[in-house]
Amino acid sequence: MLKSPIKTFLRRSAGTILLAGVFVYLILDMNPWKFFLRALFPEETEWIYPRAMLIDLVGEHLLLVAISSALAVIAGIAAGIFVTRRSGRVYLQTVNDLTSLAQTFPPVAILALTVPFIGFGFKPTIAALFLYSILPVVRNTISGIGAVPAPLIEAAFGMGMTRPQILFKVEIPLAMKVIMAGIRMSVVMNIGTATLGAIVGAGGLGVPIISGLVRQNQAFVLEGALTVCLLAVITDRLISGIEEGYF
């Protein structure tokens, strides 16, 4: 009886675990990168970005994504819950419009506007990523809670539950799958968009990409781009596994 859940877990998550293991190996050992990039771009004289270790760049990138995504998730879920309450429904359209506007604004433009006020580096990048990624969380929170059947809420009232109890014991659990889909979209978007942080000195995996573009070194660009791609795929699979309940 104990082996069945373990087998199910391993069967469902084997691909993700294998991919994560390959990713860890590739950010710790640069020899495969050098062999691959040298074969792909024999005309280059350098194939690995020399000014920072890949593992350090991944760490900086993950920090940018983690902080901005955490802020987007907290603010997005809170805003979504607020506008689905009786007292907040009047602000529903306003919240939808503001979050839509935030995502249609290019992150580069947000960086350009925030740098004069809060300087270069970490802070403007976090601000840009937060604004750009909040929309999926807000929209999915509103959709998920709005899709909870009214008879269930009425039944909960009939059982003597208070509004907060209904929210946390009925509405949010039933809406969680939809909310998690919004969180997954938000985080994966952030992983790709965080490369722009290198423009304002925030570090991360955008550094080799920007350096490669400036120096016209395609090997540097591919090193950063492939690492971002692998990180996004692994993260997407991890959050998807949490949605499905096997992580």
Protein backbone atom coordinates (compact mmCIF):
# COMPACT_ATOMS: atom_id res chain seq x y z
CA MET A 1 0.00 0.00 0.00
CA LEU A 2 2.89 2.38 0.73
CA LYS A 3 4.65 1.65 -2.53
CA SER A 4 1.81 2.71 -4.81
CA PRO A 5 1.91 6.47 -4.00
CA ILE A 6 5.72 6.45 -4.32
CA LYS A 7 5.54 4.71 -7.69
CA THR A 8 2.88 7.17 -8.85
CA PHE A 9 5.00 10.11 -7.71
CA LEU A 10 8.11 8.80 -9.46
CA ARG A 11 6.20 8.01 -12.64
CA ARG A 12 4.63 11.47 -12.85
CA SER A 13 7.66 13.47 -11.75
CA ALA A 14 10.52 11.46 -13.30
CA GLY A 15 10.85 13.80 -16.28
CA THR A 16 10.93 16.90 -14.11
CA ILE A 17 13.47 15.40 -11.68
CA LEU A 18 15.70 14.29 -14.57
CA LEU A 19 15.49 17.71 -16.23
CA ALA A 20 16.28 19.47 -12.94
CA GLY A 21 19.28 17.17 -12.43
CA VAL A 22 20.60 17.98 -15.91
CA PHE A 23 20.08 21.70 -15.24
CA VAL A 24 22.03 21.57 -11.95
CA TYR A 25 24.85 19.70 -13.67
CA LEU A 26 25.00 22.25 -16.50
CA ILE A 27 25.25 25.24 -14.18
CA LEU A 28 27.97 23.60 -12.10
CA ASP A 29 30.16 22.20 -14.88
CA MET A 30 30.92 24.50 -17.82
CA ASN A 31 32.79 21.89 -19.89
CA PRO A 32 29.65 20.64 -21.72
CA TRP A 33 28.76 24.26 -22.52
CA LYS A 34 32.23 24.93 -23.91
CA PHE A 35 32.19 21.79 -26.04
CA PHE A 36 28.69 22.51 -27.38
CA LEU A 37 29.17 26.23 -28.04
CA ARG A 38 32.62 25.77 -29.59
CA ALA A 39 31.15 23.22 -32.03
CA LEU A 40 28.27 25.56 -32.82
CA PHE A 41 30.31 28.76 -33.15
CA PRO A 42 33.87 27.79 -34.18
CA GLU A 43 34.57 31.32 -35.41
CA GLU A 44 34.35 32.78 -31.89
CA THR A 45 37.41 33.15 -29.66
CA GLU A 46 35.40 32.94 -26.37
CA TRP A 47 32.46 30.62 -25.81
CA ILE A 48 31.68 31.01 -22.10
CA TYR A 49 30.82 34.35 -20.52
CA PRO A 50 33.99 35.05 -18.49
CA ARG A 51 32.98 37.66 -15.94
CA ALA A 52 30.61 35.60 -13.80
CA MET A 53 29.95 31.95 -13.01
CA LEU A 54 26.74 30.61 -14.48
CA ILE A 55 25.58 29.37 -11.07
CA ASP A 56 25.94 32.91 -9.67
CA LEU A 57 23.92 34.35 -12.56
CA VAL A 58 21.21 31.73 -12.00
CA GLY A 59 21.13 32.65 -8.30
CA GLU A 60 20.69 36.35 -9.11
CA HIS A 61 17.99 35.52 -11.66
CA LEU A 62 16.08 33.32 -9.23
CA LEU A 63 16.22 36.02 -6.56
CA LEU A 64 14.73 38.59 -8.96
CA VAL A 65 11.99 36.17 -9.99
CA ALA A 66 11.26 34.97 -6.44
CA ILE A 67 10.82 38.45 -4.94
CA SER A 68 8.81 39.93 -7.82
CA SER A 69 6.63 36.82 -8.16
CA ALA A 70 5.97 36.67 -4.40
CA LEU A 71 4.86 40.31 -4.45
CA ALA A 72 2.68 39.72 -7.52
CA VAL A 73 1.07 36.63 -5.98
CA ILE A 74 0.34 38.32 -2.64
CA ALA A 75 -0.99 41.54 -4.19
CA GLY A 76 -2.80 39.74 -7.01
CA ILE A 77 -4.65 37.28 -4.78
CA ALA A 78 -5.50 40.01 -2.27
CA ALA A 79 -6.87 42.27 -5.05
CA GLY A 80 -8.79 39.38 -6.60
CA ILE A 81 -10.39 38.45 -3.29
CA PHE A 82 -11.22 42.08 -2.49
CA VAL A 83 -13.13 42.73 -5.73
CA THR A 84 -15.14 39.51 -5.33
CA ARG A 85 -16.43 40.64 -1.92
CA ARG A 86 -19.63 42.61 -1.69
CA SER A 87 -17.81 45.75 -0.51
CA GLY A 88 -15.23 45.57 -3.32
CA ARG A 89 -17.29 44.67 -6.38
CA VAL A 90 -17.62 48.31 -7.33
CA TYR A 91 -13.85 48.35 -7.95
CA LEU A 92 -13.80 45.21 -10.14
CA GLN A 93 -13.57 47.04 -13.46
CA THR A 94 -10.99 49.48 -12.11
CA VAL A 95 -8.73 46.67 -10.90
CA ASN A 96 -9.09 44.82 -14.21
CA ASP A 97 -8.24 47.97 -16.16
CA LEU A 98 -5.21 48.84 -14.02
CA THR A 99 -3.72 45.33 -14.16
CA SER A 100 -4.31 45.14 -17.90
CA LEU A 101 -2.61 48.52 -18.34
CA ALA A 102 0.35 47.35 -16.25
CA GLN A 103 0.91 44.36 -18.52
CA THR A 104 0.50 46.25 -21.78
CA PHE A 105 3.20 48.67 -20.63
CA PRO A 106 6.56 47.29 -21.90
CA PRO A 107 8.91 46.27 -19.05
CA VAL A 108 11.73 48.22 -20.70
CA ALA A 109 9.59 51.36 -20.51
CA ILE A 110 8.85 50.71 -16.84
CA LEU A 111 12.58 50.33 -16.19
CA ALA A 112 13.28 53.61 -18.00
CA LEU A 113 10.62 55.44 -15.97
CA THR A 114 11.59 54.00 -12.57
CA VAL A 115 15.39 54.33 -12.81
CA PRO A 116 15.38 58.16 -12.37
CA PHE A 117 13.38 57.78 -9.14
CA ILE A 118 14.80 54.67 -7.48
CA GLY A 119 18.15 54.23 -9.24
CA PHE A 120 19.78 51.38 -11.11
CA GLY A 121 19.92 47.74 -10.09
CA PHE A 122 17.54 45.54 -8.17
CA LYS A 123 14.66 47.86 -7.26
CA PRO A 124 13.54 49.05 -10.72
CA THR A 125 13.75 45.49 -12.03
CA ILE A 126 11.56 44.19 -9.21
CA ALA A 127 9.06 47.00 -9.87
CA ALA A 128 8.91 46.23 -13.60
CA LEU A 129 8.54 42.47 -13.07
CA PHE A 130 5.89 42.95 -10.40
CA LEU A 131 3.74 45.21 -12.57
CA TYR A 132 4.17 43.02 -15.63
CA SER A 133 3.24 39.74 -13.91
CA ILE A 134 0.36 40.65 -11.63
CA LEU A 135 -2.40 40.40 -14.27
CA PRO A 136 -2.64 36.56 -14.54
CA VAL A 137 -2.84 36.22 -10.75
CA VAL A 138 -5.60 38.83 -10.41
CA ARG A 139 -7.62 37.52 -13.35
CA ASN A 140 -7.41 33.87 -12.31
CA THR A 141 -8.25 34.66 -8.69
CA ILE A 142 -11.37 36.53 -9.82
CA SER A 143 -12.32 33.78 -12.29
CA GLY A 144 -11.69 30.97 -9.82
CA ILE A 145 -13.67 32.48 -6.97
CA GLY A 146 -16.40 33.65 -9.36
CA ALA A 147 -16.83 30.10 -10.64
CA VAL A 148 -17.65 28.66 -7.20
CA PRO A 149 -21.31 27.51 -7.43
CA ALA A 150 -23.70 29.77 -5.53
CA PRO A 151 -25.60 26.80 -3.98
CA LEU A 152 -22.38 25.71 -2.23
CA ILE A 153 -21.97 29.15 -0.68
CA GLU A 154 -25.63 29.18 0.37
CA ALA A 155 -25.20 25.73 1.91
CA ALA A 156 -22.14 26.96 3.83
CA PHE A 157 -24.20 29.88 5.16
CA GLY A 158 -26.90 27.40 6.14
CA MET A 159 -24.33 25.43 8.14
CA GLY A 160 -23.54 28.57 10.15
CA MET A 161 -20.23 29.52 8.54
CA THR A 162 -19.13 33.14 8.62
CA ARG A 163 -18.00 34.96 5.46
CA PRO A 164 -14.28 34.57 6.28
CA GLN A 165 -14.81 30.85 6.95
CA ILE A 166 -16.61 30.44 3.62
CA LEU A 167 -13.79 32.28 1.85
CA PHE A 168 -10.97 30.18 3.32
CA LYS A 169 -12.74 26.83 3.64
CA VAL A 170 -14.96 26.82 0.55
CA GLU A 171 -14.15 29.46 -2.07
CA ILE A 172 -10.34 29.49 -2.06
CA PRO A 173 -9.94 25.66 -1.95
CA LEU A 174 -12.35 25.26 -4.87
CA ALA A 175 -10.69 28.09 -6.81
CA MET A 176 -7.12 27.01 -6.03
CA LYS A 177 -6.53 25.09 -9.28
CA VAL A 178 -7.45 28.15 -11.35
CA ILE A 179 -5.41 30.45 -9.08
CA MET A 180 -2.38 28.16 -9.39
CA ALA A 181 -2.66 28.29 -13.19
CA GLY A 182 -2.43 32.09 -12.95
CA ILE A 183 0.56 31.86 -10.61
CA ARG A 184 2.31 29.45 -13.00
CA MET A 185 1.78 31.81 -15.93
CA SER A 186 3.00 34.78 -13.87
CA VAL A 187 6.19 33.07 -12.65
CA VAL A 188 7.14 31.67 -16.07
CA MET A 189 6.62 35.10 -17.65
CA ASN A 190 8.86 36.60 -14.97
CA ILE A 191 11.67 34.14 -15.69
CA GLY A 192 11.87 35.29 -19.28
CA THR A 193 11.28 38.98 -18.61
CA ALA A 194 13.86 39.12 -15.77
CA THR A 195 16.63 39.02 -18.38
CA LEU A 196 15.91 42.72 -18.96
CA GLY A 197 17.25 43.44 -15.47
CA ALA A 198 20.77 43.23 -16.87
CA ILE A 199 20.13 46.49 -18.73
CA VAL A 200 19.97 48.39 -15.43
CA GLY A 201 22.65 46.39 -13.60
CA ALA A 202 20.44 43.94 -11.72
CA GLY A 203 22.43 40.91 -12.88
CA GLY A 204 20.86 37.59 -13.71
CA LEU A 205 20.89 35.55 -16.89
CA GLY A 206 20.37 38.62 -19.03
CA VAL A 207 24.02 39.54 -18.42
CA PRO A 208 25.57 37.09 -20.93
CA ILE A 209 22.75 37.83 -23.38
CA ILE A 210 23.33 41.61 -23.29
CA SER A 211 27.10 41.12 -23.34
CA GLY A 212 26.80 38.82 -26.33
CA LEU A 213 24.66 41.32 -28.20
CA VAL A 214 27.09 44.16 -27.47
CA ARG A 215 30.16 42.11 -28.41
CA GLN A 216 28.39 40.30 -31.25
CA ASN A 217 29.22 36.99 -29.60
CA GLN A 218 26.39 34.54 -30.30
CA ALA A 219 27.84 31.95 -27.93
CA PHE A 220 27.26 34.24 -24.92
CA VAL A 221 23.70 34.95 -26.09
CA LEU A 222 22.91 31.25 -26.46
CA GLU A 223 24.47 30.42 -23.09
CA GLY A 224 22.12 32.83 -21.34
CA ALA A 225 19.07 32.11 -23.49
CA LEU A 226 19.24 28.31 -23.16
CA THR A 227 19.70 28.55 -19.39
CA VAL A 228 16.63 30.82 -19.12
CA CYS A 229 14.66 28.42 -21.30
CA LEU A 230 15.59 25.39 -19.19
CA LEU A 231 14.80 27.27 -15.98
CA ALA A 232 11.37 28.30 -17.32
CA VAL A 233 10.50 24.75 -18.43
CA ILE A 234 11.53 23.23 -15.08
CA THR A 235 9.62 25.86 -13.12
CA ASP A 236 6.53 25.37 -15.26
CA ARG A 237 6.66 21.61 -14.68
CA LEU A 238 7.20 22.04 -10.93
CA ILE A 239 4.22 24.36 -10.50
CA SER A 240 2.14 22.13 -12.75
CA GLY A 241 3.08 19.22 -10.47
CA ILE A 242 1.92 21.20 -7.45
CA GLU A 243 -1.36 21.91 -9.24
CA GLU A 244 -1.85 18.22 -9.91
CA GLY A 245 -0.87 17.31 -6.34
CA TYR A 246 2.21 15.16 -6.90
CA PHE A 247 4.77 17.68 -5.64
